[in-house]
PDB file of N, CA and C in Angstrom:
ATOM      1  N   UNK A   1     -25.935   7.032   4.937  1.00  0.00           N
ATOM      2  CA  UNK A   1     -25.909   6.505   6.121  1.00  0.00           C
ATOM      3  C   UNK A   1     -24.880   5.331   5.722  1.00  0.00           C
ATOM      4  N   UNK A   2     -23.585   5.124   6.259  1.00  0.00           N
ATOM      5  CA  UNK A   2     -22.771   4.110   6.068  1.00  0.00           C
ATOM      6  C   UNK A   2     -22.831   2.697   7.071  1.00  0.00           C
ATOM      7  N   UNK A   3     -23.677   2.822   7.739  1.00  0.00           N
ATOM      8  CA  UNK A   3     -24.086   1.744   8.498  1.00  0.00           C
ATOM      9  C   UNK A   3     -24.376   0.636   7.956  1.00  0.00           C
ATOM     10  N   UNK A   4     -24.806   0.425   6.743  1.00  0.00           N
ATOM     11  CA  UNK A   4     -25.016  -0.928   5.568  1.00  0.00           C
ATOM     12  C   UNK A   4     -23.636  -1.545   5.239  1.00  0.00           C
ATOM     13  N   UNK A   5     -22.765  -0.642   5.470  1.00  0.00           N
ATOM     14  CA  UNK A   5     -21.032  -1.279   5.159  1.00  0.00           C
ATOM     15  C   UNK A   5     -20.845  -2.121   6.453  1.00  0.00           C
ATOM     16  N   UNK A   6     -21.196  -1.961   7.671  1.00  0.00           N
ATOM     17  CA  UNK A   6     -20.634  -2.742   8.679  1.00  0.00           C
ATOM     18  C   UNK A   6     -20.836  -4.050   8.795  1.00  0.00           C
ATOM     19  N   UNK A   7     -21.129  -4.581   8.199  1.00  0.00           N
ATOM     20  CA  UNK A   7     -21.393  -6.386   8.463  1.00  0.00           C
ATOM     21  C   UNK A   7     -20.326  -6.739   7.531  1.00  0.00           C
ATOM     22  N   UNK A   8     -19.958  -6.123   6.442  1.00  0.00           N
ATOM     23  CA  UNK A   8     -18.731  -6.499   5.457  1.00  0.00           C
ATOM     24  C   UNK A   8     -17.349  -6.017   5.456  1.00  0.00           C
ATOM     25  N   UNK A   9     -17.040  -5.422   6.507  1.00  0.00           N
ATOM     26  CA  UNK A   9     -15.873  -4.711   6.869  1.00  0.00           C
ATOM     27  C   UNK A   9     -14.675  -5.732   7.089  1.00  0.00           C
ATOM     28  N   UNK A  10     -13.335  -5.313   6.430  1.00  0.00           N
ATOM     29  CA  UNK A  10     -12.243  -6.080   6.589  1.00  0.00           C
ATOM     30  C   UNK A  10     -11.077  -5.755   7.784  1.00  0.00           C
ATOM     31  N   UNK A  11     -10.958  -6.411   8.427  1.00  0.00           N
ATOM     32  CA  UNK A  11      -9.946  -5.798   9.596  1.00  0.00           C
ATOM     33  C   UNK A  11      -8.834  -6.665   9.695  1.00  0.00           C
ATOM     34  N   UNK A  12      -7.663  -5.971   9.436  1.00  0.00           N
ATOM     35  CA  UNK A  12      -6.210  -6.377   9.197  1.00  0.00           C
ATOM     36  C   UNK A  12      -5.752  -6.598  10.247  1.00  0.00           C
ATOM     37  N   UNK A  13      -5.852  -5.421  10.911  1.00  0.00           N
ATOM     38  CA  UNK A  13      -5.505  -5.373  12.483  1.00  0.00           C
ATOM     39  C   UNK A  13      -6.262  -4.113  13.139  1.00  0.00           C
ATOM     40  N   UNK A  14      -5.917  -3.970  14.336  1.00  0.00           N
ATOM     41  CA  UNK A  14      -6.463  -2.869  15.130  1.00  0.00           C
ATOM     42  C   UNK A  14      -6.781  -1.474  14.281  1.00  0.00           C
ATOM     43  N   UNK A  15      -5.600  -1.007  13.762  1.00  0.00           N
ATOM     44  CA  UNK A  15      -5.797   0.253  13.317  1.00  0.00           C
ATOM     45  C   UNK A  15      -5.690   0.322  11.942  1.00  0.00           C
ATOM     46  N   UNK A  16      -6.002  -0.775  11.080  1.00  0.00           N
ATOM     47  CA  UNK A  16      -5.832  -0.953   9.539  1.00  0.00           C
ATOM     48  C   UNK A  16      -7.386  -1.802   9.437  1.00  0.00           C
ATOM     49  N   UNK A  17      -8.827  -1.255   9.313  1.00  0.00           N
ATOM     50  CA  UNK A  17      -9.829  -1.649   9.124  1.00  0.00           C
ATOM     51  C   UNK A  17     -10.705  -0.709   7.919  1.00  0.00           C
ATOM     52  N   UNK A  18     -11.206  -1.531   6.852  1.00  0.00           N
ATOM     53  CA  UNK A  18     -11.950  -0.920   5.941  1.00  0.00           C
ATOM     54  C   UNK A  18     -13.043  -1.710   5.330  1.00  0.00           C
ATOM     55  N   UNK A  19     -13.971  -0.964   4.655  1.00  0.00           N
ATOM     56  CA  UNK A  19     -15.116  -1.888   3.723  1.00  0.00           C
ATOM     57  C   UNK A  19     -14.768  -1.295   2.335  1.00  0.00           C
ATOM     58  N   UNK A  20     -14.579  -2.353   1.236  1.00  0.00           N
ATOM     59  CA  UNK A  20     -14.417  -2.115  -0.124  1.00  0.00           C
ATOM     60  C   UNK A  20     -15.632  -3.175  -0.612  1.00  0.00           C
ATOM     61  N   UNK A  21     -16.395  -2.515  -1.705  1.00  0.00           N
ATOM     62  CA  UNK A  21     -17.256  -3.775  -2.569  1.00  0.00           C
ATOM     63  C   UNK A  21     -16.446  -4.483  -3.111  1.00  0.00           C
ATOM     64  N   UNK A  22     -16.966  -6.008  -2.944  1.00  0.00           N
ATOM     65  CA  UNK A  22     -16.160  -6.979  -3.805  1.00  0.00           C
ATOM     66  C   UNK A  22     -16.803  -7.293  -5.051  1.00  0.00           C
ATOM     67  N   UNK A  23     -18.052  -6.766  -5.539  1.00  0.00           N
ATOM     68  CA  UNK A  23     -18.427  -6.754  -6.779  1.00  0.00           C
ATOM     69  C   UNK A  23     -18.738  -5.461  -7.319  1.00  0.00           C
ATOM     70  N   UNK A  24     -17.924  -4.360  -7.658  1.00  0.00           N
ATOM     71  CA  UNK A  24     -18.336  -3.256  -8.196  1.00  0.00           C
ATOM     72  C   UNK A  24     -19.302  -3.151  -9.426  1.00  0.00           C
ATOM     73  N   UNK A  25     -19.634  -1.814  -9.351  1.00  0.00           N
ATOM     74  CA  UNK A  25     -20.364  -1.818 -10.850  1.00  0.00           C
ATOM     75  C   UNK A  25     -19.375  -0.880 -11.574  1.00  0.00           C
ATOM     76  N   UNK A  26     -19.315  -0.986 -12.761  1.00  0.00           N
ATOM     77  CA  UNK A  26     -18.660  -0.113 -13.641  1.00  0.00           C
ATOM     78  C   UNK A  26     -19.618   0.605 -14.598  1.00  0.00           C
ATOM     79  N   UNK A  27     -19.616   1.763 -14.352  1.00  0.00           N
ATOM     80  CA  UNK A  27     -20.697   2.781 -15.118  1.00  0.00           C
ATOM     81  C   UNK A  27     -20.113   3.705 -15.766  1.00  0.00           C
ATOM     82  N   UNK A  28     -20.321   4.423 -16.863  1.00  0.00           N
ATOM     83  CA  UNK A  28     -19.548   5.314 -17.704  1.00  0.00           C
ATOM     84  C   UNK A  28     -18.388   5.706 -17.090  1.00  0.00           C
ATOM     85  N   UNK A  29     -17.292   4.915 -17.193  1.00  0.00           N
ATOM     86  CA  UNK A  29     -16.148   5.172 -16.832  1.00  0.00           C
ATOM     87  C   UNK A  29     -15.781   5.290 -15.458  1.00  0.00           C
ATOM     88  N   UNK A  30     -16.477   4.684 -14.406  1.00  0.00           N
ATOM     89  CA  UNK A  30     -16.153   4.790 -13.171  1.00  0.00           C
ATOM     90  C   UNK A  30     -16.455   3.344 -12.508  1.00  0.00           C
ATOM     91  N   UNK A  31     -15.486   3.058 -11.745  1.00  0.00           N
ATOM     92  CA  UNK A  31     -15.948   1.702 -10.919  1.00  0.00           C
ATOM     93  C   UNK A  31     -16.635   2.048  -9.627  1.00  0.00           C
ATOM     94  N   UNK A  32     -17.657   1.928  -8.889  1.00  0.00           N
ATOM     95  CA  UNK A  32     -18.346   2.138  -7.806  1.00  0.00           C
ATOM     96  C   UNK A  32     -17.781   1.056  -6.713  1.00  0.00           C
ATOM     97  N   UNK A  33     -16.653   1.887  -6.045  1.00  0.00           N
ATOM     98  CA  UNK A  33     -16.018   0.871  -5.052  1.00  0.00           C
ATOM     99  C   UNK A  33     -16.565   0.852  -3.565  1.00  0.00           C
ATOM    100  N   UNK A  34     -17.092   2.017  -3.477  1.00  0.00           N
ATOM    101  CA  UNK A  34     -17.747   2.046  -1.943  1.00  0.00           C
ATOM    102  C   UNK A  34     -16.698   2.109  -0.956  1.00  0.00           C
ATOM    103  N   UNK A  35     -15.856   2.745  -1.009  1.00  0.00           N
ATOM    104  CA  UNK A  35     -14.597   2.390  -0.015  1.00  0.00           C
ATOM    105  C   UNK A  35     -15.153   3.141   1.538  1.00  0.00           C
ATOM    106  N   UNK A  36     -15.000   2.442   2.463  1.00  0.00           N
ATOM    107  CA  UNK A  36     -15.100   3.454   3.364  1.00  0.00           C
ATOM    108  C   UNK A  36     -14.049   2.822   4.426  1.00  0.00           C
ATOM    109  N   UNK A  37     -13.252   3.902   5.246  1.00  0.00           N
ATOM    110  CA  UNK A  37     -11.981   3.834   6.093  1.00  0.00           C
ATOM    111  C   UNK A  37     -12.692   3.593   7.456  1.00  0.00           C
ATOM    112  N   UNK A  38     -12.422   2.629   8.212  1.00  0.00           N
ATOM    113  CA  UNK A  38     -12.549   2.510   9.531  1.00  0.00           C
ATOM    114  C   UNK A  38     -11.369   2.542  10.477  1.00  0.00           C
ATOM    115  N   UNK A  39     -10.439   2.765  10.004  1.00  0.00           N
ATOM    116  CA  UNK A  39      -8.941   2.849  10.315  1.00  0.00           C
ATOM    117  C   UNK A  39      -8.780   3.835  11.409  1.00  0.00           C
ATOM    118  N   UNK A  40      -7.793   3.765  12.455  1.00  0.00           N
ATOM    119  CA  UNK A  40      -7.229   4.863  13.542  1.00  0.00           C
ATOM    120  C   UNK A  40      -7.038   5.854  12.937  1.00  0.00           C
ATOM    121  N   UNK A  41      -7.060   6.872  13.699  1.00  0.00           N
ATOM    122  CA  UNK A  41      -6.670   8.388  13.477  1.00  0.00           C
ATOM    123  C   UNK A  41      -5.321   8.578  13.184  1.00  0.00           C
ATOM    124  N   UNK A  42      -4.416   7.482  13.424  1.00  0.00           N
ATOM    125  CA  UNK A  42      -3.163   7.573  13.014  1.00  0.00           C
ATOM    126  C   UNK A  42      -2.984   6.986  11.704  1.00  0.00           C
ATOM    127  N   UNK A  43      -3.680   6.232  11.034  1.00  0.00           N
ATOM    128  CA  UNK A  43      -3.771   5.405   9.883  1.00  0.00           C
ATOM    129  C   UNK A  43      -4.377   6.221   8.394  1.00  0.00           C
ATOM    130  N   UNK A  44      -3.923   6.286   7.766  1.00  0.00           N
ATOM    131  CA  UNK A  44      -4.345   6.692   6.257  1.00  0.00           C
ATOM    132  C   UNK A  44      -4.432   5.569   4.899  1.00  0.00           C
ATOM    133  N   UNK A  45      -5.352   5.656   4.461  1.00  0.00           N
ATOM    134  CA  UNK A  45      -5.389   4.314   3.359  1.00  0.00           C
ATOM    135  C   UNK A  45      -5.576   4.832   2.106  1.00  0.00           C
ATOM    136  N   UNK A  46      -5.197   4.027   0.998  1.00  0.00           N
ATOM    137  CA  UNK A  46      -4.939   4.195  -0.225  1.00  0.00           C
ATOM    138  C   UNK A  46      -5.301   3.251  -1.026  1.00  0.00           C
ATOM    139  N   UNK A  47      -5.979   3.134  -2.054  1.00  0.00           N
ATOM    140  CA  UNK A  47      -6.649   2.140  -3.098  1.00  0.00           C
ATOM    141  C   UNK A  47      -5.791   2.070  -4.449  1.00  0.00           C
ATOM    142  N   UNK A  48      -5.353   1.059  -4.897  1.00  0.00           N
ATOM    143  CA  UNK A  48      -4.916   1.124  -6.165  1.00  0.00           C
ATOM    144  C   UNK A  48      -5.704  -0.150  -6.993  1.00  0.00           C
ATOM    145  N   UNK A  49      -6.293   0.077  -8.034  1.00  0.00           N
ATOM    146  CA  UNK A  49      -6.779  -0.862  -8.978  1.00  0.00           C
ATOM    147  C   UNK A  49      -6.014  -1.386 -10.289  1.00  0.00           C
ATOM    148  N   UNK A  50      -6.033  -2.619 -10.242  1.00  0.00           N
ATOM    149  CA  UNK A  50      -4.884  -3.468 -11.232  1.00  0.00           C
ATOM    150  C   UNK A  50      -6.450  -3.984 -12.084  1.00  0.00           C
ATOM    151  N   UNK A  51      -5.506  -4.055 -13.421  1.00  0.00           N
ATOM    152  CA  UNK A  51      -6.383  -5.000 -14.528  1.00  0.00           C
ATOM    153  C   UNK A  51      -5.404  -6.163 -14.371  1.00  0.00           C
ATOM    154  N   UNK A  52      -5.870  -7.258 -15.674  1.00  0.00           N
ATOM    155  CA  UNK A  52      -5.781  -8.484 -15.211  1.00  0.00           C
ATOM    156  C   UNK A  52      -4.199  -8.681 -15.709  1.00  0.00           C
ATOM    157  N   UNK A  53      -3.522  -7.476 -16.494  1.00  0.00           N
ATOM    158  CA  UNK A  53      -2.160  -7.612 -16.995  1.00  0.00           C
ATOM    159  C   UNK A  53      -1.091  -6.797 -15.920  1.00  0.00           C
ATOM    160  N   UNK A  54      -1.784  -6.534 -14.337  1.00  0.00           N
ATOM    161  CA  UNK A  54      -1.197  -6.185 -13.245  1.00  0.00           C
ATOM    162  C   UNK A  54      -0.640  -4.541 -13.612  1.00  0.00           C
ATOM    163  N   UNK A  55      -1.484  -4.282 -14.500  1.00  0.00           N
ATOM    164  CA  UNK A  55      -1.175  -2.703 -14.702  1.00  0.00           C
ATOM    165  C   UNK A  55      -2.431  -1.693 -13.892  1.00  0.00           C
ATOM    166  N   UNK A  56      -1.708  -0.570 -13.284  1.00  0.00           N
ATOM    167  CA  UNK A  56      -2.663   0.328 -12.495  1.00  0.00           C
ATOM    168  C   UNK A  56      -3.468   0.801 -13.733  1.00  0.00           C
ATOM    169  N   UNK A  57      -4.858   0.968 -13.094  1.00  0.00           N
ATOM    170  CA  UNK A  57      -6.140   1.445 -13.947  1.00  0.00           C
ATOM    171  C   UNK A  57      -6.574   2.720 -13.175  1.00  0.00           C
ATOM    172  N   UNK A  58      -6.276   2.454 -12.050  1.00  0.00           N
ATOM    173  CA  UNK A  58      -6.938   3.674 -11.045  1.00  0.00           C
ATOM    174  C   UNK A  58      -6.162   3.922  -9.728  1.00  0.00           C
ATOM    175  N   UNK A  59      -6.227   5.043  -9.154  1.00  0.00           N
ATOM    176  CA  UNK A  59      -5.655   5.038  -7.871  1.00  0.00           C
ATOM    177  C   UNK A  59      -6.147   5.919  -7.248  1.00  0.00           C
ATOM    178  N   UNK A  60      -6.305   5.695  -5.949  1.00  0.00           N
ATOM    179  CA  UNK A  60      -7.080   7.122  -5.053  1.00  0.00           C
ATOM    180  C   UNK A  60      -6.199   7.894  -4.268  1.00  0.00           C
ATOM    181  N   UNK A  61      -6.360   9.203  -3.528  1.00  0.00           N
ATOM    182  CA  UNK A  61      -5.602   9.835  -2.644  1.00  0.00           C
ATOM    183  C   UNK A  61      -5.903   9.246  -1.440  1.00  0.00           C
ATOM    184  N   UNK A  62      -5.053   9.827  -0.538  1.00  0.00           N
ATOM    185  CA  UNK A  62      -5.029   9.199   0.886  1.00  0.00           C
ATOM    186  C   UNK A  62      -6.629   9.345   1.507  1.00  0.00           C
ATOM    187  N   UNK A  63      -6.794   8.502   2.063  1.00  0.00           N
ATOM    188  CA  UNK A  63      -8.370   8.425   2.732  1.00  0.00           C
ATOM    189  C   UNK A  63      -8.045   8.028   4.074  1.00  0.00           C
ATOM    190  N   UNK A  64      -8.685   9.205   4.865  1.00  0.00           N
ATOM    191  CA  UNK A  64      -8.728   9.259   6.406  1.00  0.00           C
ATOM    192  C   UNK A  64      -9.868   8.488   6.865  1.00  0.00           C
ATOM    193  N   UNK A  65      -9.519   8.176   8.226  1.00  0.00           N
ATOM    194  CA  UNK A  65     -10.749   7.529   8.960  1.00  0.00           C
ATOM    195  C   UNK A  65     -12.149   8.320   8.958  1.00  0.00           C
ATOM    196  N   UNK A  66     -13.139   7.395   8.652  1.00  0.00           N
ATOM    197  CA  UNK A  66     -14.426   7.669   8.680  1.00  0.00           C
ATOM    198  C   UNK A  66     -14.807   8.327   7.002  1.00  0.00           C
ATOM    199  N   UNK A  67     -14.100   8.358   6.316  1.00  0.00           N
ATOM    200  CA  UNK A  67     -13.969   9.169   5.137  1.00  0.00           C
ATOM    201  C   UNK A  67     -14.419   7.818   3.981  1.00  0.00           C
ATOM    202  N   UNK A  68     -15.502   8.464   2.853  1.00  0.00           N
ATOM    203  CA  UNK A  68     -16.347   7.383   2.132  1.00  0.00           C
ATOM    204  C   UNK A  68     -15.761   7.696   0.906  1.00  0.00           C
ATOM    205  N   UNK A  69     -15.472   6.956  -0.105  1.00  0.00           N
ATOM    206  CA  UNK A  69     -15.282   7.327  -1.348  1.00  0.00           C
ATOM    207  C   UNK A  69     -16.354   6.226  -2.506  1.00  0.00           C
ATOM    208  N   UNK A  70     -17.030   6.831  -3.118  1.00  0.00           N
ATOM    209  CA  UNK A  70     -18.345   6.107  -3.762  1.00  0.00           C
ATOM    210  C   UNK A  70     -17.331   5.417  -4.974  1.00  0.00           C
ATOM    211  N   UNK A  71     -16.721   6.064  -5.742  1.00  0.00           N
ATOM    212  CA  UNK A  71     -16.434   5.712  -7.046  1.00  0.00           C
ATOM    213  C   UNK A  71     -15.032   6.002  -7.283  1.00  0.00           C
ATOM    214  N   UNK A  72     -14.377   5.634  -8.455  1.00  0.00           N
ATOM    215  CA  UNK A  72     -12.915   6.044  -8.922  1.00  0.00           C
ATOM    216  C   UNK A  72     -13.268   6.257 -10.595  1.00  0.00           C
ATOM    217  N   UNK A  73     -12.390   7.055 -10.946  1.00  0.00           N
ATOM    218  CA  UNK A  73     -12.591   7.032 -12.484  1.00  0.00           C
ATOM    219  C   UNK A  73     -11.039   5.812 -12.818  1.00  0.00           C
ATOM    220  N   UNK A  74     -11.903   5.194 -14.084  1.00  0.00           N
ATOM    221  CA  UNK A  74     -10.781   4.094 -14.597  1.00  0.00           C
ATOM    222  C   UNK A  74     -10.196   4.465 -15.910  1.00  0.00           C
ATOM    223  N   UNK A  75      -8.772   4.721 -15.963  1.00  0.00           N
ATOM    224  CA  UNK A  75      -7.840   5.095 -17.007  1.00  0.00           C
ATOM    225  C   UNK A  75      -8.197   4.357 -18.292  1.00  0.00           C
ATOM    226  N   UNK A  76      -9.071   3.384 -18.233  1.00  0.00           N
ATOM    227  CA  UNK A  76      -8.877   2.617 -19.678  1.00  0.00           C
ATOM    228  C   UNK A  76     -10.554   1.864 -19.481  1.00  0.00           C
ATOM    229  N   UNK A  77     -10.787   1.563 -20.827  1.00  0.00           N
ATOM    230  CA  UNK A  77     -11.923   0.458 -20.762  1.00  0.00           C
ATOM    231  C   UNK A  77     -11.642  -0.706 -20.487  1.00  0.00           C
ATOM    232  N   UNK A  78     -12.736  -1.092 -19.602  1.00  0.00           N
ATOM    233  CA  UNK A  78     -12.558  -2.510 -18.986  1.00  0.00           C
ATOM    234  C   UNK A  78     -12.471  -3.621 -19.885  1.00  0.00           C
ATOM    235  N   UNK A  79     -11.563  -4.554 -20.420  1.00  0.00           N
ATOM    236  CA  UNK A  79     -11.768  -5.551 -21.038  1.00  0.00           C
ATOM    237  C   UNK A  79     -11.957  -7.073 -20.408  1.00  0.00           C
ATOM    238  N   UNK A  80     -12.153  -6.623 -18.920  1.00  0.00           N
ATOM    239  CA  UNK A  80     -12.470  -8.253 -18.269  1.00  0.00           C
ATOM    240  C   UNK A  80     -13.017  -7.619 -17.058  1.00  0.00           C
ATOM    241  N   UNK A  81     -13.707  -9.067 -16.251  1.00  0.00           N
ATOM    242  CA  UNK A  81     -14.392  -8.557 -15.317  1.00  0.00           C
ATOM    243  C   UNK A  81     -13.414  -8.468 -13.993  1.00  0.00           C
ATOM    244  N   UNK A  82     -12.715  -9.389 -14.335  1.00  0.00           N
ATOM    245  CA  UNK A  82     -11.860  -9.200 -13.174  1.00  0.00           C
ATOM    246  C   UNK A  82     -10.560  -8.398 -12.926  1.00  0.00           C
ATOM    247  N   UNK A  83     -10.943  -7.950 -11.594  1.00  0.00           N
ATOM    248  CA  UNK A  83      -9.474  -6.623 -11.138  1.00  0.00           C
ATOM    249  C   UNK A  83      -9.032  -7.215  -9.709  1.00  0.00           C
ATOM    250  N   UNK A  84      -8.184  -6.418  -9.409  1.00  0.00           N
ATOM    251  CA  UNK A  84      -7.502  -6.461  -8.148  1.00  0.00           C
ATOM    252  C   UNK A  84      -7.453  -4.964  -7.462  1.00  0.00           C
ATOM    253  N   UNK A  85      -7.451  -5.082  -6.353  1.00  0.00           N
ATOM    254  CA  UNK A  85      -7.398  -3.979  -5.644  1.00  0.00           C
ATOM    255  C   UNK A  85      -6.203  -4.340  -4.535  1.00  0.00           C
ATOM    256  N   UNK A  86      -5.197  -3.204  -4.220  1.00  0.00           N
ATOM    257  CA  UNK A  86      -4.329  -3.389  -3.256  1.00  0.00           C
ATOM    258  C   UNK A  86      -4.807  -1.918  -2.484  1.00  0.00           C
ATOM    259  N   UNK A  87      -5.199  -2.297  -1.266  1.00  0.00           N
ATOM    260  CA  UNK A  87      -5.544  -1.330  -0.237  1.00  0.00           C
ATOM    261  C   UNK A  87      -3.964  -1.289   0.708  1.00  0.00           C
ATOM    262  N   UNK A  88      -3.402  -0.012   0.647  1.00  0.00           N
ATOM    263  CA  UNK A  88      -2.350   0.283   1.324  1.00  0.00           C
ATOM    264  C   UNK A  88      -2.452   1.370   2.689  1.00  0.00           C
ATOM    265  N   UNK A  89      -1.757   0.923   3.468  1.00  0.00           N
ATOM    266  CA  UNK A  89      -2.051   1.806   4.818  1.00  0.00           C
ATOM    267  C   UNK A  89      -0.479   2.388   4.655  1.00  0.00           C
ATOM    268  N   UNK A  90      -0.767   3.680   5.533  1.00  0.00           N
ATOM    269  CA  UNK A  90       0.151   4.582   5.911  1.00  0.00           C
ATOM    270  C   UNK A  90       0.445   4.942   6.995  1.00  0.00           C
ATOM    271  N   UNK A  91       1.196   5.325   8.124  1.00  0.00           N
ATOM    272  CA  UNK A  91       1.249   5.936   8.961  1.00  0.00           C
ATOM    273  C   UNK A  91       1.043   7.402   9.072  1.00  0.00           C
ATOM    274  N   UNK A  92       0.155   8.110   9.486  1.00  0.00           N
ATOM    275  CA  UNK A  92      -0.191   9.687   9.288  1.00  0.00           C
ATOM    276  C   UNK A  92       1.248  10.652   9.436  1.00  0.00           C
ATOM    277  N   UNK A  93       1.608  10.361  10.258  1.00  0.00           N
ATOM    278  CA  UNK A  93       2.939  11.375  10.845  1.00  0.00           C
ATOM    279  C   UNK A  93       4.293  10.835  10.019  1.00  0.00           C
ATOM    280  N   UNK A  94       4.433   9.928   9.753  1.00  0.00           N
ATOM    281  CA  UNK A  94       5.475   9.687   8.804  1.00  0.00           C
ATOM    282  C   UNK A  94       5.529   9.167   7.420  1.00  0.00           C
ATOM    283  N   UNK A  95       4.371   8.910   7.163  1.00  0.00           N
ATOM    284  CA  UNK A  95       3.837   8.331   5.648  1.00  0.00           C
ATOM    285  C   UNK A  95       4.713   7.171   5.313  1.00  0.00           C
ATOM    286  N   UNK A  96       5.376   6.327   6.283  1.00  0.00           N
ATOM    287  CA  UNK A  96       5.591   5.085   6.067  1.00  0.00           C
ATOM    288  C   UNK A  96       4.520   4.022   6.096  1.00  0.00           C
ATOM    289  N   UNK A  97       5.010   2.972   5.395  1.00  0.00           N
ATOM    290  CA  UNK A  97       4.135   1.830   5.171  1.00  0.00           C
ATOM    291  C   UNK A  97       3.509   1.173   6.495  1.00  0.00           C
ATOM    292  N   UNK A  98       2.557   0.637   6.538  1.00  0.00           N
ATOM    293  CA  UNK A  98       1.762   0.195   7.559  1.00  0.00           C
ATOM    294  C   UNK A  98       1.075  -1.203   7.113  1.00  0.00           C
ATOM    295  N   UNK A  99       1.401  -1.534   5.974  1.00  0.00           N
ATOM    296  CA  UNK A  99       1.194  -2.682   5.568  1.00  0.00           C
ATOM    297  C   UNK A  99       0.301  -2.640   4.237  1.00  0.00           C
ATOM    298  N   UNK A 100       0.004  -3.783   3.670  1.00  0.00           N
ATOM    299  CA  UNK A 100      -1.007  -3.644   2.374  1.00  0.00           C
ATOM    300  C   UNK A 100      -1.601  -5.145   2.387  1.00  0.00           C
ATOM    301  N   UNK A 101      -2.725  -5.213   1.643  1.00  0.00           N
ATOM    302  CA  UNK A 101      -3.724  -6.305   1.478  1.00  0.00           C
ATOM    303  C   UNK A 101      -4.208  -6.130  -0.198  1.00  0.00           C
ATOM    304  N   UNK A 102      -3.990  -7.299  -0.842  1.00  0.00           N
ATOM    305  CA  UNK A 102      -4.422  -7.159  -2.132  1.00  0.00           C
ATOM    306  C   UNK A 102      -5.818  -8.384  -2.248  1.00  0.00           C
ATOM    307  N   UNK A 103      -6.740  -7.656  -3.069  1.00  0.00           N
ATOM    308  CA  UNK A 103      -8.213  -8.748  -2.870  1.00  0.00           C
ATOM    309  C   UNK A 103      -8.309  -8.672  -4.270  1.00  0.00           C
ATOM    310  N   UNK A 104      -8.747  -9.863  -4.715  1.00  0.00           N
ATOM    311  CA  UNK A 104      -9.121  -9.902  -6.300  1.00  0.00           C
ATOM    312  C   UNK A 104     -10.836 -10.066  -6.188  1.00  0.00           C
ATOM    313  N   UNK A 105     -11.042  -9.230  -7.038  1.00  0.00           N
ATOM    314  CA  UNK A 105     -12.530  -8.847  -7.132  1.00  0.00           C
ATOM    315  C   UNK A 105     -13.145  -9.499  -8.694  1.00  0.00           C
ATOM    316  N   UNK A 106     -14.458  -9.170  -8.696  1.00  0.00           N
ATOM    317  CA  UNK A 106     -15.270  -9.476 -10.246  1.00  0.00           C
ATOM    318  C   UNK A 106     -16.148  -8.342 -10.208  1.00  0.00           C
ATOM    319  N   UNK A 107     -16.219  -7.484 -11.302  1.00  0.00           N
ATOM    320  CA  UNK A 107     -17.053  -6.569 -11.692  1.00  0.00           C
ATOM    321  C   UNK A 107     -18.524  -7.055 -11.870  1.00  0.00           C
ATOM    322  N   UNK A 108     -19.231  -6.295 -11.533  1.00  0.00           N
ATOM    323  CA  UNK A 108     -20.770  -6.858 -11.506  1.00  0.00           C
ATOM    324  C   UNK A 108     -21.358  -6.585 -12.812  1.00  0.00           C
ATOM    325  N   UNK A 109     -21.612  -7.846 -13.259  1.00  0.00           N
ATOM    326  CA  UNK A 109     -22.123  -8.026 -14.963  1.00  0.00           C
ATOM    327  C   UNK A 109     -23.399  -7.000 -15.144  1.00  0.00           C
ATOM    328  N   UNK A 110     -24.390  -6.574 -14.389  1.00  0.00           N
ATOM    329  CA  UNK A 110     -25.290  -6.244 -14.465  1.00  0.00           C
ATOM    330  C   UNK A 110     -25.358  -4.919 -15.356  1.00  0.00           C
ATOM    331  N   UNK A 111     -24.486  -3.980 -15.081  1.00  0.00           N
ATOM    332  CA  UNK A 111     -24.111  -2.728 -15.625  1.00  0.00           C
ATOM    333  C   UNK A 111     -22.899  -2.592 -16.161  1.00  0.00           C
ATOM    334  N   UNK A 112     -22.424  -3.977 -16.614  1.00  0.00           N
ATOM    335  CA  UNK A 112     -21.210  -3.916 -17.552  1.00  0.00           C
ATOM    336  C   UNK A 112     -20.842  -3.255 -18.749  1.00  0.00           C
ATOM    337  N   UNK A 113     -20.073  -2.260 -19.077  1.00  0.00           N
ATOM    338  CA  UNK A 113     -19.860  -1.744 -20.420  1.00  0.00           C
ATOM    339  C   UNK A 113     -18.558  -1.828 -20.822  1.00  0.00           C
ATOM    340  N   UNK A 114     -18.514  -2.727 -21.938  1.00  0.00           N
ATOM    341  CA  UNK A 114     -17.006  -2.933 -22.445  1.00  0.00           C
ATOM    342  C   UNK A 114     -16.871  -1.949 -23.522  1.00  0.00           C
TER     343      UNK A 114
END
């Protein structure tokens, strides 16, 4: 049931809408981002996750409307709780950029494994 995410949705414009956990958990090498795309049918989304050094530590594939992604594998051990998400949008037919947004987040300390 994805309705629990509807109150925390980020709407960039009418076509570019999503939910992503702003305080994800890190467990056994996975970051639980709980990403859900509410974007239009002609927009695909993609998420890159960066560490404090602005290095990519994880990246999703293209995510279509109504697709849910619970977790992503992190490519390295986390040494800080502070991360950034870059959520990028692409036009379905041309794969050209439809914009991007960067969100700074803090990993939930309750299950943090260094």
